[in-house]
Amino acid sequence: MAEYVAVAIAGREPGPAAASLDGALPGKVAGVRRRPATLIALIEPRSGTSLAELTAAVRRAVGPDEDAPISMGIAGPRRGSAGAHAAMIEAEHALAIGRAIHGDGRTTHFDDLGPYCFVVGRPRAEIRGFVERILGPLETDRERHEDLAQTLEAYLDAHGSLNEVARRLFLHRNTVRQRLRRISEVTGADLADADARLALQLAILGRRALVQLDQGAA
């Protein structure tokens, strides 16, 4: 079964970037997907080629750009047609989130996205559905519940410390407690339950990922 690596490239026009890869890599280009400002290339590496060697070859091939540094997202190796499809999605996500976290000019492997790996790598519609299912009105009616959404994020980031949430948001502890009760009512989540808190944390990561992916596609 064939093994594939996907590379998402930004910082050069997709057309010229695709042309520059042809015949310049230790392997063959099995397919490309063009976005307005991004090229996603599916590569079948030559046997024995390391990921580092392939990444370096792609960078040499696309070359420097006068106006913007080259940013790349990498995913794989993955096996078979299903793996190839997943790798292309993962590479695009790695590019967008890597640029948001580290800035332009860097290469980000999907496996290095940390907790984002638990929510990205799937079609955006699936991520969005998960976020809306877990956060409920905190996502679907974000403008109305902005204070609650902000409090929930601070609460999870502070590992449940009321004092820390109050300090970060300049609130009284009683106000934090009231908001947390309201969050439980709105989402249906028991904040005392570790599994519920984990689901909320993943949903928040998913929301942040969607924002970064949308910015990357702009």
N, C-alpha and C. Protein backbone atom coordinates (compact mmCIF):
# COMPACT_ATOMS: atom_id res chain seq x y z
N MET A 1 0.85 -1.20 0.00
CA MET A 1 0.00 0.00 0.00
C MET A 1 0.88 1.24 0.00
N ALA A 2 0.56 2.18 -0.87
CA ALA A 2 1.37 3.39 -1.00
C ALA A 2 1.32 4.23 0.27
N GLU A 3 2.42 4.94 0.51
CA GLU A 3 2.55 5.81 1.67
C GLU A 3 2.69 7.24 1.19
N TYR A 4 1.97 8.16 1.86
CA TYR A 4 1.92 9.54 1.39
C TYR A 4 2.26 10.52 2.51
N VAL A 5 2.83 11.65 2.08
CA VAL A 5 3.04 12.81 2.94
C VAL A 5 2.36 13.99 2.25
N ALA A 6 1.63 14.78 3.02
CA ALA A 6 0.99 15.98 2.48
C ALA A 6 1.72 17.22 2.97
N VAL A 7 1.88 18.18 2.08
CA VAL A 7 2.54 19.45 2.40
C VAL A 7 1.65 20.60 1.97
N ALA A 8 1.30 21.47 2.90
CA ALA A 8 0.55 22.68 2.59
C ALA A 8 1.52 23.85 2.59
N ILE A 9 1.48 24.65 1.54
CA ILE A 9 2.47 25.71 1.33
C ILE A 9 1.77 27.05 1.17
N ALA A 10 2.24 28.05 1.90
CA ALA A 10 1.75 29.42 1.76
C ALA A 10 2.94 30.36 1.65
N GLY A 11 2.75 31.47 0.96
CA GLY A 11 3.84 32.42 0.78
C GLY A 11 4.31 32.50 -0.66
N ARG A 12 3.70 31.66 -1.52
CA ARG A 12 3.97 31.70 -2.95
C ARG A 12 2.68 31.33 -3.68
N GLU A 13 2.46 31.90 -4.83
CA GLU A 13 1.24 31.60 -5.58
C GLU A 13 1.12 30.10 -5.83
N PRO A 14 -0.08 29.53 -5.63
CA PRO A 14 -0.24 28.08 -5.76
C PRO A 14 0.21 27.50 -7.10
N GLY A 15 -0.09 28.21 -8.19
CA GLY A 15 0.29 27.70 -9.51
C GLY A 15 1.79 27.52 -9.68
N PRO A 16 2.56 28.60 -9.50
CA PRO A 16 4.02 28.46 -9.59
C PRO A 16 4.60 27.50 -8.56
N ALA A 17 4.02 27.46 -7.37
CA ALA A 17 4.52 26.53 -6.35
C ALA A 17 4.34 25.09 -6.81
N ALA A 18 3.18 24.78 -7.40
CA ALA A 18 2.93 23.42 -7.89
C ALA A 18 3.91 23.08 -9.01
N ALA A 19 4.14 24.01 -9.92
CA ALA A 19 5.05 23.76 -11.03
C ALA A 19 6.47 23.52 -10.54
N SER A 20 6.87 24.22 -9.49
CA SER A 20 8.25 24.09 -9.00
C SER A 20 8.51 22.73 -8.36
N LEU A 21 7.46 22.05 -7.90
CA LEU A 21 7.65 20.75 -7.26
C LEU A 21 7.88 19.63 -8.26
N ASP A 22 7.40 19.82 -9.47
CA ASP A 22 7.46 18.76 -10.48
C ASP A 22 8.91 18.36 -10.78
N GLY A 23 9.25 17.13 -10.47
CA GLY A 23 10.58 16.61 -10.75
C GLY A 23 11.67 17.07 -9.80
N ALA A 24 11.30 17.82 -8.75
CA ALA A 24 12.31 18.38 -7.85
C ALA A 24 12.37 17.67 -6.51
N LEU A 25 11.57 16.64 -6.32
CA LEU A 25 11.48 16.00 -5.01
C LEU A 25 11.96 14.56 -5.04
N PRO A 26 12.38 14.04 -3.88
CA PRO A 26 12.74 12.62 -3.78
C PRO A 26 11.47 11.77 -3.70
N GLY A 27 10.73 11.75 -4.77
CA GLY A 27 9.45 11.07 -4.83
C GLY A 27 8.59 11.75 -5.87
N LYS A 28 7.33 11.36 -5.97
CA LYS A 28 6.46 11.95 -6.98
C LYS A 28 5.27 12.65 -6.34
N VAL A 29 4.81 13.69 -7.04
CA VAL A 29 3.63 14.41 -6.59
C VAL A 29 2.41 13.63 -7.07
N ALA A 30 1.63 13.12 -6.12
CA ALA A 30 0.48 12.28 -6.47
C ALA A 30 -0.79 13.09 -6.66
N GLY A 31 -0.78 14.33 -6.25
CA GLY A 31 -1.97 15.16 -6.42
C GLY A 31 -1.76 16.51 -5.76
N VAL A 32 -2.53 17.50 -6.20
CA VAL A 32 -2.45 18.84 -5.62
C VAL A 32 -3.87 19.36 -5.41
N ARG A 33 -3.99 20.25 -4.45
CA ARG A 33 -5.25 20.93 -4.17
C ARG A 33 -4.91 22.40 -4.00
N ARG A 34 -5.55 23.25 -4.77
CA ARG A 34 -5.25 24.68 -4.73
C ARG A 34 -6.30 25.44 -3.95
N ARG A 35 -5.84 26.32 -3.07
CA ARG A 35 -6.68 27.29 -2.38
C ARG A 35 -6.28 28.67 -2.90
N PRO A 36 -7.04 29.73 -2.57
CA PRO A 36 -6.68 31.05 -3.08
C PRO A 36 -5.23 31.46 -2.80
N ALA A 37 -4.71 31.11 -1.62
CA ALA A 37 -3.34 31.50 -1.28
C ALA A 37 -2.52 30.33 -0.77
N THR A 38 -3.00 29.12 -1.00
CA THR A 38 -2.34 27.94 -0.44
C THR A 38 -2.34 26.81 -1.44
N LEU A 39 -1.24 26.07 -1.47
CA LEU A 39 -1.15 24.84 -2.25
C LEU A 39 -1.00 23.67 -1.29
N ILE A 40 -1.80 22.64 -1.47
CA ILE A 40 -1.64 21.40 -0.70
C ILE A 40 -1.21 20.32 -1.67
N ALA A 41 -0.01 19.80 -1.49
CA ALA A 41 0.53 18.78 -2.38
C ALA A 41 0.60 17.44 -1.67
N LEU A 42 0.16 16.40 -2.36
CA LEU A 42 0.24 15.04 -1.84
C LEU A 42 1.43 14.36 -2.51
N ILE A 43 2.37 13.92 -1.69
CA ILE A 43 3.63 13.39 -2.21
C ILE A 43 3.80 11.94 -1.80
N GLU A 44 4.22 11.13 -2.74
CA GLU A 44 4.58 9.74 -2.46
C GLU A 44 6.11 9.67 -2.42
N PRO A 45 6.71 9.70 -1.24
CA PRO A 45 8.18 9.79 -1.15
C PRO A 45 8.86 8.52 -1.69
N ARG A 46 10.05 8.72 -2.17
CA ARG A 46 10.88 7.59 -2.57
C ARG A 46 11.25 6.78 -1.34
N SER A 47 11.34 5.48 -1.48
CA SER A 47 11.66 4.60 -0.35
C SER A 47 12.96 5.04 0.33
N GLY A 48 12.92 5.13 1.65
CA GLY A 48 14.10 5.50 2.41
C GLY A 48 14.25 6.99 2.63
N THR A 49 13.35 7.81 2.08
CA THR A 49 13.43 9.26 2.25
C THR A 49 12.85 9.64 3.60
N SER A 50 13.61 10.38 4.38
CA SER A 50 13.10 10.81 5.69
C SER A 50 12.20 12.01 5.51
N LEU A 51 11.40 12.27 6.53
CA LEU A 51 10.50 13.42 6.50
C LEU A 51 11.31 14.72 6.44
N ALA A 52 12.42 14.76 7.15
CA ALA A 52 13.26 15.96 7.14
C ALA A 52 13.84 16.21 5.74
N GLU A 53 14.25 15.14 5.06
CA GLU A 53 14.79 15.29 3.71
C GLU A 53 13.71 15.78 2.74
N LEU A 54 12.53 15.23 2.88
CA LEU A 54 11.44 15.65 1.99
C LEU A 54 11.06 17.10 2.24
N THR A 55 10.97 17.48 3.50
CA THR A 55 10.63 18.86 3.85
C THR A 55 11.65 19.84 3.28
N ALA A 56 12.94 19.50 3.44
CA ALA A 56 14.00 20.37 2.93
C ALA A 56 13.92 20.47 1.41
N ALA A 57 13.60 19.37 0.74
CA ALA A 57 13.50 19.39 -0.72
C ALA A 57 12.35 20.26 -1.19
N VAL A 58 11.23 20.22 -0.47
CA VAL A 58 10.09 21.07 -0.83
C VAL A 58 10.47 22.53 -0.68
N ARG A 59 11.14 22.87 0.42
CA ARG A 59 11.54 24.26 0.64
C ARG A 59 12.49 24.74 -0.45
N ARG A 60 13.43 23.89 -0.84
CA ARG A 60 14.35 24.28 -1.91
C ARG A 60 13.60 24.48 -3.22
N ALA A 61 12.63 23.62 -3.47
CA ALA A 61 11.91 23.67 -4.74
C ALA A 61 11.06 24.94 -4.86
N VAL A 62 10.33 25.27 -3.81
CA VAL A 62 9.44 26.43 -3.91
C VAL A 62 10.22 27.73 -3.81
N GLY A 63 11.39 27.67 -3.16
CA GLY A 63 12.27 28.82 -3.13
C GLY A 63 11.77 29.99 -2.31
N PRO A 64 12.59 31.02 -2.15
CA PRO A 64 12.18 32.21 -1.39
C PRO A 64 11.21 33.05 -2.20
N ASP A 65 10.45 33.85 -1.52
CA ASP A 65 9.52 34.78 -2.15
C ASP A 65 9.93 36.20 -1.77
N GLU A 66 9.81 37.10 -2.71
CA GLU A 66 10.24 38.48 -2.45
C GLU A 66 9.36 39.19 -1.44
N ASP A 67 8.09 38.80 -1.39
CA ASP A 67 7.14 39.53 -0.56
C ASP A 67 6.79 38.85 0.74
N ALA A 68 6.90 37.52 0.81
CA ALA A 68 6.47 36.80 2.02
C ALA A 68 7.32 35.57 2.23
N PRO A 69 7.59 35.21 3.47
CA PRO A 69 8.33 33.97 3.75
C PRO A 69 7.44 32.76 3.45
N ILE A 70 8.08 31.65 3.18
CA ILE A 70 7.36 30.41 2.89
C ILE A 70 6.99 29.73 4.21
N SER A 71 5.71 29.46 4.40
CA SER A 71 5.23 28.72 5.56
C SER A 71 4.71 27.37 5.08
N MET A 72 4.93 26.32 5.89
CA MET A 72 4.51 25.00 5.47
C MET A 72 3.86 24.24 6.62
N GLY A 73 2.88 23.43 6.27
CA GLY A 73 2.28 22.47 7.19
C GLY A 73 2.50 21.08 6.64
N ILE A 74 2.91 20.14 7.48
CA ILE A 74 3.25 18.78 7.05
C ILE A 74 2.36 17.79 7.79
N ALA A 75 1.94 16.74 7.09
CA ALA A 75 1.21 15.65 7.73
C ALA A 75 1.61 14.34 7.08
N GLY A 76 1.69 13.31 7.88
CA GLY A 76 2.05 12.00 7.36
C GLY A 76 3.38 11.54 7.94
N PRO A 77 3.84 10.40 7.47
CA PRO A 77 3.26 9.60 6.38
C PRO A 77 1.96 8.90 6.78
N ARG A 78 1.07 8.75 5.78
CA ARG A 78 -0.18 8.02 5.93
C ARG A 78 -0.29 7.02 4.79
N ARG A 79 -0.96 5.91 5.05
CA ARG A 79 -1.07 4.85 4.04
C ARG A 79 -2.44 4.85 3.36
N GLY A 80 -2.44 4.51 2.07
CA GLY A 80 -3.67 4.30 1.33
C GLY A 80 -4.39 5.58 0.98
N SER A 81 -5.50 5.42 0.22
CA SER A 81 -6.25 6.58 -0.24
C SER A 81 -6.92 7.34 0.91
N ALA A 82 -7.44 6.59 1.90
CA ALA A 82 -8.04 7.25 3.06
C ALA A 82 -7.00 8.04 3.84
N GLY A 83 -5.82 7.46 4.01
CA GLY A 83 -4.74 8.15 4.70
C GLY A 83 -4.28 9.38 3.95
N ALA A 84 -4.27 9.28 2.62
CA ALA A 84 -3.86 10.42 1.80
C ALA A 84 -4.84 11.57 1.97
N HIS A 85 -6.13 11.27 1.96
CA HIS A 85 -7.14 12.31 2.14
C HIS A 85 -7.00 12.97 3.51
N ALA A 86 -6.83 12.15 4.55
CA ALA A 86 -6.67 12.70 5.90
C ALA A 86 -5.42 13.56 6.00
N ALA A 87 -4.33 13.12 5.37
CA ALA A 87 -3.08 13.87 5.44
C ALA A 87 -3.21 15.25 4.82
N MET A 88 -3.96 15.37 3.73
CA MET A 88 -4.13 16.68 3.09
C MET A 88 -4.91 17.64 3.98
N ILE A 89 -5.93 17.11 4.66
CA ILE A 89 -6.67 17.95 5.60
C ILE A 89 -5.76 18.35 6.76
N GLU A 90 -5.02 17.39 7.31
CA GLU A 90 -4.15 17.66 8.45
C GLU A 90 -3.06 18.66 8.09
N ALA A 91 -2.50 18.56 6.89
CA ALA A 91 -1.44 19.49 6.49
C ALA A 91 -1.96 20.91 6.40
N GLU A 92 -3.16 21.08 5.85
CA GLU A 92 -3.76 22.41 5.77
C GLU A 92 -4.01 22.99 7.16
N HIS A 93 -4.49 22.14 8.06
CA HIS A 93 -4.72 22.59 9.43
C HIS A 93 -3.40 22.93 10.13
N ALA A 94 -2.38 22.11 9.92
CA ALA A 94 -1.08 22.37 10.53
C ALA A 94 -0.51 23.70 10.05
N LEU A 95 -0.70 24.00 8.76
CA LEU A 95 -0.22 25.27 8.21
C LEU A 95 -0.92 26.44 8.88
N ALA A 96 -2.25 26.40 8.91
CA ALA A 96 -3.01 27.54 9.44
C ALA A 96 -2.74 27.75 10.92
N ILE A 97 -2.77 26.68 11.71
CA ILE A 97 -2.58 26.82 13.15
C ILE A 97 -1.12 27.13 13.46
N GLY A 98 -0.20 26.53 12.73
CA GLY A 98 1.21 26.83 12.92
C GLY A 98 1.52 28.29 12.67
N ARG A 99 0.93 28.86 11.63
CA ARG A 99 1.15 30.29 11.34
C ARG A 99 0.56 31.16 12.45
N ALA A 100 -0.60 30.76 12.96
CA ALA A 100 -1.23 31.54 14.02
C ALA A 100 -0.42 31.50 15.31
N ILE A 101 0.18 30.34 15.59
CA ILE A 101 0.92 30.18 16.85
C ILE A 101 2.35 30.70 16.73
N HIS A 102 3.02 30.35 15.62
CA HIS A 102 4.46 30.62 15.50
C HIS A 102 4.80 31.76 14.54
N GLY A 103 3.84 32.20 13.75
CA GLY A 103 4.13 33.22 12.75
C GLY A 103 4.52 32.61 11.42
N ASP A 104 4.77 33.47 10.43
CA ASP A 104 5.11 33.00 9.09
C ASP A 104 6.56 32.52 9.02
N GLY A 105 6.82 31.74 7.97
CA GLY A 105 8.19 31.30 7.70
C GLY A 105 8.59 30.02 8.40
N ARG A 106 7.66 29.37 9.08
CA ARG A 106 7.97 28.16 9.84
C ARG A 106 7.32 26.94 9.19
N THR A 107 7.84 25.77 9.55
CA THR A 107 7.23 24.50 9.15
C THR A 107 6.64 23.85 10.39
N THR A 108 5.39 23.45 10.31
CA THR A 108 4.69 22.84 11.44
C THR A 108 4.17 21.48 11.04
N HIS A 109 4.53 20.46 11.80
CA HIS A 109 3.99 19.12 11.55
C HIS A 109 2.71 18.96 12.35
N PHE A 110 1.73 18.32 11.73
CA PHE A 110 0.45 18.11 12.39
C PHE A 110 0.61 17.45 13.75
N ASP A 111 1.52 16.49 13.85
CA ASP A 111 1.70 15.76 15.11
C ASP A 111 2.28 16.64 16.22
N ASP A 112 2.76 17.83 15.87
CA ASP A 112 3.34 18.73 16.86
C ASP A 112 2.35 19.81 17.32
N LEU A 113 1.08 19.66 16.96
CA LEU A 113 0.09 20.67 17.34
C LEU A 113 -0.42 20.50 18.76
N GLY A 114 0.08 19.51 19.48
CA GLY A 114 -0.31 19.32 20.87
C GLY A 114 -1.79 19.01 20.99
N PRO A 115 -2.49 19.65 21.93
CA PRO A 115 -3.90 19.32 22.16
C PRO A 115 -4.79 19.63 20.97
N TYR A 116 -4.34 20.50 20.04
CA TYR A 116 -5.14 20.76 18.86
C TYR A 116 -5.36 19.49 18.04
N CYS A 117 -4.45 18.53 18.14
CA CYS A 117 -4.58 17.29 17.38
C CYS A 117 -5.87 16.55 17.71
N PHE A 118 -6.41 16.78 18.90
CA PHE A 118 -7.63 16.07 19.29
C PHE A 118 -8.87 16.61 18.61
N VAL A 119 -8.79 17.81 18.05
CA VAL A 119 -10.00 18.40 17.45
C VAL A 119 -9.84 18.77 15.99
N VAL A 120 -8.60 18.91 15.50
CA VAL A 120 -8.42 19.23 14.09
C VAL A 120 -8.06 17.96 13.33
N GLY A 121 -7.86 18.10 12.03
CA GLY A 121 -7.60 16.94 11.21
C GLY A 121 -8.88 16.34 10.65
N ARG A 122 -10.00 16.97 10.95
CA ARG A 122 -11.29 16.55 10.41
C ARG A 122 -11.88 17.69 9.58
N PRO A 123 -12.84 17.40 8.70
CA PRO A 123 -13.47 18.48 7.95
C PRO A 123 -14.01 19.56 8.90
N ARG A 124 -13.95 20.79 8.45
CA ARG A 124 -14.36 21.90 9.31
C ARG A 124 -15.80 21.76 9.80
N ALA A 125 -16.65 21.22 8.94
CA ALA A 125 -18.05 21.06 9.34
C ALA A 125 -18.17 20.14 10.55
N GLU A 126 -17.34 19.11 10.62
CA GLU A 126 -17.37 18.20 11.76
C GLU A 126 -16.85 18.89 13.02
N ILE A 127 -15.78 19.67 12.87
CA ILE A 127 -15.25 20.41 14.02
C ILE A 127 -16.30 21.39 14.53
N ARG A 128 -16.92 22.10 13.59
CA ARG A 128 -17.93 23.09 13.98
C ARG A 128 -19.11 22.43 14.67
N GLY A 129 -19.52 21.27 14.16
CA GLY A 129 -20.62 20.55 14.78
C GLY A 129 -20.30 20.13 16.20
N PHE A 130 -19.06 19.65 16.43
CA PHE A 130 -18.63 19.26 17.77
C PHE A 130 -18.64 20.46 18.70
N VAL A 131 -18.09 21.59 18.24
CA VAL A 131 -18.03 22.80 19.05
C VAL A 131 -19.43 23.25 19.45
N GLU A 132 -20.34 23.28 18.49
CA GLU A 132 -21.70 23.74 18.78
C GLU A 132 -22.44 22.77 19.69
N ARG A 133 -22.17 21.48 19.52
CA ARG A 133 -22.84 20.48 20.36
C ARG A 133 -22.40 20.59 21.82
N ILE A 134 -21.12 20.84 22.06
CA ILE A 134 -20.59 20.89 23.43
C ILE A 134 -20.84 22.25 24.08
N LEU A 135 -20.61 23.32 23.36
CA LEU A 135 -20.75 24.66 23.94
C LEU A 135 -22.17 25.20 23.86
N GLY A 136 -22.97 24.65 22.97
CA GLY A 136 -24.36 25.09 22.87
C GLY A 136 -24.46 26.58 22.60
N PRO A 137 -25.33 27.29 23.33
CA PRO A 137 -25.54 28.72 23.10
C PRO A 137 -24.28 29.57 23.30
N LEU A 138 -23.30 29.06 24.04
CA LEU A 138 -22.05 29.83 24.19
C LEU A 138 -21.36 29.99 22.85
N GLU A 139 -21.67 29.10 21.90
CA GLU A 139 -21.11 29.21 20.55
C GLU A 139 -22.15 29.72 19.57
N THR A 140 -23.36 29.15 19.60
CA THR A 140 -24.36 29.51 18.61
C THR A 140 -24.94 30.90 18.83
N ASP A 141 -24.87 31.41 20.07
CA ASP A 141 -25.32 32.77 20.38
C ASP A 141 -24.20 33.47 21.14
N ARG A 142 -23.04 33.46 20.52
CA ARG A 142 -21.81 33.93 21.17
C ARG A 142 -21.92 35.38 21.64
N GLU A 143 -22.51 36.22 20.83
CA GLU A 143 -22.58 37.64 21.18
C GLU A 143 -23.36 37.85 22.48
N ARG A 144 -24.45 37.13 22.63
CA ARG A 144 -25.28 37.26 23.83
C ARG A 144 -24.58 36.72 25.06
N HIS A 145 -23.79 35.67 24.89
CA HIS A 145 -23.17 34.99 26.03
C HIS A 145 -21.65 35.20 26.09
N GLU A 146 -21.18 36.32 25.57
CA GLU A 146 -19.73 36.56 25.51
C GLU A 146 -19.09 36.53 26.90
N ASP A 147 -19.76 37.11 27.91
CA ASP A 147 -19.20 37.12 29.27
C ASP A 147 -19.06 35.69 29.81
N LEU A 148 -20.05 34.85 29.55
CA LEU A 148 -19.99 33.47 30.02
C LEU A 148 -18.90 32.70 29.30
N ALA A 149 -18.79 32.90 27.99
CA ALA A 149 -17.75 32.20 27.22
C ALA A 149 -16.36 32.60 27.72
N GLN A 150 -16.17 33.88 27.96
CA GLN A 150 -14.88 34.38 28.46
C GLN A 150 -14.58 33.79 29.84
N THR A 151 -15.59 33.71 30.69
CA THR A 151 -15.41 33.17 32.03
C THR A 151 -15.08 31.68 31.97
N LEU A 152 -15.75 30.94 31.10
CA LEU A 152 -15.47 29.52 30.97
C LEU A 152 -14.03 29.28 30.52
N GLU A 153 -13.58 30.04 29.53
CA GLU A 153 -12.20 29.87 29.06
C GLU A 153 -11.20 30.17 30.18
N ALA A 154 -11.45 31.23 30.92
CA ALA A 154 -10.56 31.58 32.02
C ALA A 154 -10.58 30.50 33.10
N TYR A 155 -11.76 29.97 33.38
CA TYR A 155 -11.91 28.93 34.41
C TYR A 155 -11.13 27.67 34.03
N LEU A 156 -11.23 27.25 32.78
CA LEU A 156 -10.51 26.06 32.34
C LEU A 156 -9.00 26.30 32.27
N ASP A 157 -8.62 27.49 31.80
CA ASP A 157 -7.19 27.82 31.73
C ASP A 157 -6.58 27.90 33.13
N ALA A 158 -7.39 28.30 34.12
CA ALA A 158 -6.90 28.44 35.50
C ALA A 158 -7.09 27.15 36.30
N HIS A 159 -7.44 26.06 35.62
CA HIS A 159 -7.61 24.75 36.27
C HIS A 159 -8.62 24.81 37.42
N GLY A 160 -9.66 25.60 37.23
CA GLY A 160 -10.75 25.64 38.21
C GLY A 160 -10.53 26.54 39.40
N SER A 161 -9.52 27.39 39.38
CA SER A 161 -9.25 28.29 40.50
C SER A 161 -10.14 29.53 40.42
N LEU A 162 -11.07 29.67 41.36
CA LEU A 162 -11.95 30.83 41.36
C LEU A 162 -11.15 32.12 41.59
N ASN A 163 -10.19 32.05 42.47
CA ASN A 163 -9.37 33.24 42.75
C ASN A 163 -8.65 33.72 41.49
N GLU A 164 -8.11 32.77 40.73
CA GLU A 164 -7.36 33.13 39.52
C GLU A 164 -8.31 33.71 38.47
N VAL A 165 -9.48 33.12 38.31
CA VAL A 165 -10.45 33.66 37.35
C VAL A 165 -10.85 35.07 37.75
N ALA A 166 -11.14 35.27 39.04
CA ALA A 166 -11.52 36.59 39.52
C ALA A 166 -10.41 37.61 39.26
N ARG A 167 -9.18 37.19 39.49
CA ARG A 167 -8.04 38.09 39.27
C ARG A 167 -7.90 38.44 37.79
N ARG A 168 -7.99 37.43 36.92
CA ARG A 168 -7.80 37.66 35.49
C ARG A 168 -8.89 38.55 34.89
N LEU A 169 -10.12 38.34 35.35
CA LEU A 169 -11.25 39.06 34.74
C LEU A 169 -11.69 40.27 35.56
N PHE A 170 -10.98 40.55 36.66
CA PHE A 170 -11.31 41.70 37.52
C PHE A 170 -12.75 41.59 38.03
N LEU A 171 -13.07 40.42 38.55
CA LEU A 171 -14.42 40.14 39.05
C LEU A 171 -14.37 39.74 40.52
N HIS A 172 -15.50 39.86 41.19
CA HIS A 172 -15.61 39.32 42.55
C HIS A 172 -15.82 37.81 42.45
N ARG A 173 -15.35 37.09 43.46
CA ARG A 173 -15.51 35.63 43.47
C ARG A 173 -16.98 35.22 43.34
N ASN A 174 -17.88 35.96 43.98
CA ASN A 174 -19.29 35.61 43.89
C ASN A 174 -19.83 35.76 42.46
N THR A 175 -19.31 36.76 41.76
CA THR A 175 -19.71 36.94 40.36
C THR A 175 -19.24 35.76 39.52
N VAL A 176 -18.02 35.29 39.80
CA VAL A 176 -17.50 34.13 39.08
C VAL A 176 -18.37 32.91 39.36
N ARG A 177 -18.74 32.70 40.61
CA ARG A 177 -19.60 31.57 40.96
C ARG A 177 -20.94 31.65 40.22
N GLN A 178 -21.52 32.83 40.20
CA GLN A 178 -22.81 33.01 39.51
C GLN A 178 -22.68 32.68 38.02
N ARG A 179 -21.60 33.14 37.42
CA ARG A 179 -21.42 32.87 36.00
C ARG A 179 -21.20 31.37 35.74
N LEU A 180 -20.47 30.71 36.62
CA LEU A 180 -20.24 29.28 36.44
C LEU A 180 -21.54 28.50 36.55
N ARG A 181 -22.40 28.91 37.48
CA ARG A 181 -23.71 28.25 37.58
C ARG A 181 -24.51 28.46 36.29
N ARG A 182 -24.44 29.66 35.77
CA ARG A 182 -25.15 29.95 34.52
C ARG A 182 -24.57 29.16 33.35
N ILE A 183 -23.26 29.00 33.33
CA ILE A 183 -22.61 28.20 32.28
C ILE A 183 -23.12 26.76 32.31
N SER A 184 -23.22 26.20 33.50
CA SER A 184 -23.74 24.83 33.64
C SER A 184 -25.17 24.74 33.13
N GLU A 185 -25.98 25.75 33.43
CA GLU A 185 -27.37 25.75 32.98
C GLU A 185 -27.46 25.84 31.46
N VAL A 186 -26.64 26.70 30.86
CA VAL A 186 -26.70 26.94 29.42
C VAL A 186 -26.16 25.76 28.62
N THR A 187 -25.06 25.18 29.07
CA THR A 187 -24.42 24.10 28.32
C THR A 187 -24.91 22.72 28.74
N GLY A 188 -25.48 22.60 29.94
CA GLY A 188 -25.86 21.30 30.45
C GLY A 188 -24.69 20.51 30.99
N ALA A 189 -23.53 21.15 31.13
CA ALA A 189 -22.32 20.47 31.59
C ALA A 189 -22.15 20.60 33.09
N ASP A 190 -21.73 19.53 33.73
CA ASP A 190 -21.40 19.55 35.15
C ASP A 190 -19.93 19.90 35.29
N LEU A 191 -19.65 21.11 35.71
CA LEU A 191 -18.26 21.57 35.78
C LEU A 191 -17.46 20.84 36.86
N ALA A 192 -18.13 20.12 37.72
CA ALA A 192 -17.42 19.32 38.72
C ALA A 192 -16.95 17.99 38.16
N ASP A 193 -17.41 17.65 36.96
CA ASP A 193 -17.07 16.38 36.33
C ASP A 193 -15.87 16.56 35.40
N ALA A 194 -14.83 15.76 35.60
CA ALA A 194 -13.59 15.90 34.83
C ALA A 194 -13.83 15.66 33.34
N ASP A 195 -14.65 14.68 32.99
CA ASP A 195 -14.92 14.40 31.58
C ASP A 195 -15.65 15.56 30.91
N ALA A 196 -16.58 16.18 31.64
CA ALA A 196 -17.30 17.33 31.09
C ALA A 196 -16.35 18.50 30.86
N ARG A 197 -15.45 18.73 31.80
CA ARG A 197 -14.48 19.82 31.64
C ARG A 197 -13.57 19.55 30.44
N LEU A 198 -13.16 18.29 30.26
CA LEU A 198 -12.31 17.95 29.12
C LEU A 198 -13.04 18.21 27.81
N ALA A 199 -14.30 17.82 27.72
CA ALA A 199 -15.07 18.06 26.50
C ALA A 199 -15.18 19.55 26.21
N LEU A 200 -15.41 20.35 27.25
CA LEU A 200 -15.48 21.79 27.07
C LEU A 200 -14.15 22.36 26.60
N GLN A 201 -13.06 21.86 27.18
CA GLN A 201 -11.74 22.34 26.78
C GLN A 201 -11.45 22.00 25.32
N LEU A 202 -11.81 20.79 24.88
CA LEU A 202 -11.60 20.41 23.49
C LEU A 202 -12.46 21.26 22.56
N ALA A 203 -13.68 21.56 22.99
CA ALA A 203 -14.55 22.40 22.17
C ALA A 203 -13.98 23.80 22.01
N ILE A 204 -13.41 24.33 23.08
CA ILE A 204 -12.79 25.65 23.00
C ILE A 204 -11.58 25.63 22.07
N LEU A 205 -10.78 24.56 22.17
CA LEU A 205 -9.65 24.41 21.25
C LEU A 205 -10.15 24.33 19.81
N GLY A 206 -11.26 23.60 19.62
CA GLY A 206 -11.83 23.50 18.29
C GLY A 206 -12.29 24.84 17.76
N ARG A 207 -12.88 25.64 18.62
CA ARG A 207 -13.32 26.97 18.20
C ARG A 207 -12.12 27.84 17.81
N ARG A 208 -11.07 27.80 18.63
CA ARG A 208 -9.87 28.57 18.32
C ARG A 208 -9.26 28.11 17.00
N ALA A 209 -9.26 26.79 16.79
CA ALA A 209 -8.71 26.25 15.55
C ALA A 209 -9.50 26.74 14.34
N LEU A 210 -10.81 26.76 14.45
CA LEU A 210 -11.64 27.23 13.34
C LEU A 210 -11.35 28.69 13.01
N VAL A 211 -11.18 29.51 14.04
CA VAL A 211 -10.87 30.91 13.83
C VAL A 211 -9.55 31.03 13.07
N GLN A 212 -8.55 30.25 13.51
CA GLN A 212 -7.23 30.31 12.86
C GLN A 212 -7.27 29.77 11.44
N LEU A 213 -8.05 28.71 11.22
CA LEU A 213 -8.19 28.15 9.87
C LEU A 213 -8.87 29.14 8.95
N ASP A 214 -9.90 29.82 9.45
CA ASP A 214 -10.60 30.80 8.63
C ASP A 214 -9.69 31.98 8.30
N GLN A 215 -8.87 32.38 9.26
CA GLN A 215 -7.92 33.47 9.00
C GLN A 215 -6.87 33.04 7.99
N GLY A 216 -6.45 31.76 8.09
CA GLY A 216 -5.45 31.25 7.17
C GLY A 216 -5.97 31.15 5.75
N ALA A 217 -7.29 30.95 5.60
CA ALA A 217 -7.88 30.82 4.26
C ALA A 217 -8.17 32.17 3.64
N ALA A 218 -8.14 33.23 4.47
CA ALA A 218 -8.50 34.56 3.97
C ALA A 218 -7.41 35.12 3.05
